C-alpha atoms as a PDB file:
ATOM      1  CA  MET A   1     -41.656 170.250 -47.947  1.00  0.00           C
ATOM      2  CA  ALA A   2     -40.040 169.389 -44.623  1.00  0.00           C
ATOM      3  CA  GLU A   3     -41.787 167.863 -41.592  1.00  0.00           C
ATOM      4  CA  GLY A   4     -42.053 170.854 -39.432  1.00  0.00           C
ATOM      5  CA  ILE A   5     -39.589 173.547 -38.111  1.00  0.00           C
ATOM      6  CA  HIS A   6     -36.948 173.229 -35.425  1.00  0.00           C
ATOM      7  CA  LEU A   7     -37.535 176.263 -33.128  1.00  0.00           C
ATOM      8  CA  GLN A   8     -34.873 177.359 -30.655  1.00  0.00           C
ATOM      9  CA  VAL A   9     -35.369 180.372 -28.382  1.00  0.00           C
ATOM     10  CA  ILE A  10     -32.139 181.340 -26.547  1.00  0.00           C
ATOM     11  CA  THR A  11     -31.370 183.902 -23.840  1.00  0.00           C
ATOM     12  CA  PRO A  12     -27.876 184.647 -22.451  1.00  0.00           C
ATOM     13  CA  ILE A  13     -28.833 182.422 -19.467  1.00  0.00           C
ATOM     14  CA  LYS A  14     -30.550 179.331 -20.991  1.00  0.00           C
ATOM     15  CA  LEU A  15     -32.141 177.560 -23.890  1.00  0.00           C
ATOM     16  CA  VAL A  16     -35.890 178.347 -23.344  1.00  0.00           C
ATOM     17  CA  VAL A  17     -37.435 176.490 -26.292  1.00  0.00           C
ATOM     18  CA  ASP A  18     -35.989 173.664 -28.300  1.00  0.00           C
ATOM     19  CA  GLU A  19     -38.680 171.618 -30.158  1.00  0.00           C
ATOM     20  CA  GLN A  20     -40.201 170.709 -33.426  1.00  0.00           C
ATOM     21  CA  VAL A  21     -43.173 172.918 -34.380  1.00  0.00           C
ATOM     22  CA  ASP A  22     -45.587 173.405 -37.271  1.00  0.00           C
ATOM     23  CA  GLU A  23     -45.514 177.204 -37.568  1.00  0.00           C
ATOM     24  CA  VAL A  24     -43.706 180.337 -35.855  1.00  0.00           C
ATOM     25  CA  VAL A  25     -45.015 183.789 -35.754  1.00  0.00           C
ATOM     26  CA  ALA A  26     -42.608 186.566 -34.387  1.00  0.00           C
ATOM     27  CA  PRO A  27     -42.455 190.407 -34.041  1.00  0.00           C
ATOM     28  CA  GLY A  28     -39.892 191.559 -36.554  1.00  0.00           C
ATOM     29  CA  ALA A  29     -38.639 195.024 -36.569  1.00  0.00           C
ATOM     30  CA  ALA A  30     -40.402 195.705 -39.962  1.00  0.00           C
ATOM     31  CA  GLY A  31     -43.630 193.997 -38.659  1.00  0.00           C
ATOM     32  CA  GLU A  32     -44.881 190.551 -37.642  1.00  0.00           C
ATOM     33  CA  PHE A  33     -43.729 187.637 -39.745  1.00  0.00           C
ATOM     34  CA  GLY A  34     -44.662 184.021 -40.058  1.00  0.00           C
ATOM     35  CA  VAL A  35     -42.615 180.962 -40.942  1.00  0.00           C
ATOM     36  CA  LEU A  36     -43.757 177.662 -42.254  1.00  0.00           C
ATOM     37  CA  PRO A  37     -41.683 174.747 -43.493  1.00  0.00           C
ATOM     38  CA  GLY A  38     -39.720 175.574 -46.628  1.00  0.00           C
ATOM     39  CA  HIS A  39     -39.473 179.273 -45.852  1.00  0.00           C
ATOM     40  CA  VAL A  40     -36.713 181.169 -47.602  1.00  0.00           C
ATOM     41  CA  PRO A  41     -33.682 182.019 -45.405  1.00  0.00           C
ATOM     42  CA  PHE A  42     -33.310 185.371 -43.728  1.00  0.00           C
ATOM     43  CA  ILE A  43     -32.120 187.218 -40.586  1.00  0.00           C
ATOM     44  CA  THR A  44     -33.908 190.048 -38.897  1.00  0.00           C
ATOM     45  CA  THR A  45     -33.938 192.082 -35.693  1.00  0.00           C
ATOM     46  CA  LEU A  46     -36.876 191.598 -33.387  1.00  0.00           C
ATOM     47  CA  SER A  47     -39.106 194.100 -31.572  1.00  0.00           C
ATOM     48  CA  ASP A  48     -40.386 193.551 -28.084  1.00  0.00           C
ATOM     49  CA  GLY A  49     -43.537 191.358 -28.449  1.00  0.00           C
ATOM     50  CA  GLU A  50     -45.201 188.041 -28.687  1.00  0.00           C
ATOM     51  CA  VAL A  51     -43.706 185.006 -30.378  1.00  0.00           C
ATOM     52  CA  LYS A  52     -46.403 182.324 -31.181  1.00  0.00           C
ATOM     53  CA  TYR A  53     -45.759 178.847 -32.200  1.00  0.00           C
ATOM     54  CA  LYS A  54     -48.068 176.054 -33.092  1.00  0.00           C
ATOM     55  CA  LYS A  55     -47.564 172.293 -32.573  1.00  0.00           C
ATOM     56  CA  GLY A  56     -50.473 169.934 -33.510  1.00  0.00           C
ATOM     57  CA  GLY A  57     -53.626 171.723 -32.405  1.00  0.00           C
ATOM     58  CA  SER A  58     -52.153 173.849 -29.651  1.00  0.00           C
ATOM     59  CA  GLU A  59     -50.627 177.274 -29.784  1.00  0.00           C
ATOM     60  CA  THR A  60     -47.961 178.532 -27.266  1.00  0.00           C
ATOM     61  CA  LYS A  61     -47.184 182.257 -26.729  1.00  0.00           C
ATOM     62  CA  ILE A  62     -44.094 183.873 -25.114  1.00  0.00           C
ATOM     63  CA  ILE A  63     -42.964 187.451 -24.865  1.00  0.00           C
ATOM     64  CA  VAL A  64     -39.468 188.400 -26.122  1.00  0.00           C
ATOM     65  CA  GLU A  65     -37.606 191.577 -25.441  1.00  0.00           C
ATOM     66  CA  GLY A  66     -35.952 192.390 -28.789  1.00  0.00           C
ATOM     67  CA  GLY A  67     -33.135 190.320 -30.242  1.00  0.00           C
ATOM     68  CA  PHE A  68     -32.527 188.556 -33.570  1.00  0.00           C
ATOM     69  CA  ALA A  69     -34.139 185.825 -35.560  1.00  0.00           C
ATOM     70  CA  GLU A  70     -32.485 183.587 -38.151  1.00  0.00           C
ATOM     71  CA  VAL A  71     -34.564 181.403 -40.492  1.00  0.00           C
ATOM     72  CA  ARG A  72     -32.511 178.741 -42.321  1.00  0.00           C
ATOM     73  CA  ASP A  73     -33.056 175.113 -43.395  1.00  0.00           C
ATOM     74  CA  ASP A  74     -36.334 174.680 -41.632  1.00  0.00           C
ATOM     75  CA  LYS A  75     -34.920 176.025 -38.383  1.00  0.00           C
ATOM     76  CA  VAL A  76     -35.820 179.283 -36.553  1.00  0.00           C
ATOM     77  CA  SER A  77     -33.303 180.542 -34.069  1.00  0.00           C
ATOM     78  CA  ILE A  78     -34.270 183.316 -31.844  1.00  0.00           C
ATOM     79  CA  LEU A  79     -31.751 185.108 -29.662  1.00  0.00           C
ATOM     80  CA  THR A  80     -33.174 187.484 -27.104  1.00  0.00           C
ATOM     81  CA  GLU A  81     -32.280 189.168 -23.832  1.00  0.00           C
ATOM     82  CA  ARG A  82     -35.321 187.937 -21.904  1.00  0.00           C
ATOM     83  CA  VAL A  83     -38.356 185.780 -22.250  1.00  0.00           C
ATOM     84  CA  ARG A  84     -41.652 185.881 -20.287  1.00  0.00           C
ATOM     85  CA  GLN A  85     -44.349 183.254 -20.441  1.00  0.00           C
ATOM     86  CA  VAL A  86     -47.880 184.538 -21.349  1.00  0.00           C
END
């Protein structure tokens, strides 16, 4: 199993998040999904909602407005129109 997940959250304007994390939870179109290291690859559309990611003992939350998520090779890439901090 790999040492964490590389998370990137990208809007048309800027790269919002670019860091190694332990876990990612996001609002998929078919329901919320979680990603841990070693997860199988997939691509999904996102609903408006909360993306949570954990690093060490802390959890960070941001709000995304739709978009797409790709999980591949212990990397989660989220492309969204807009991000708001919680």
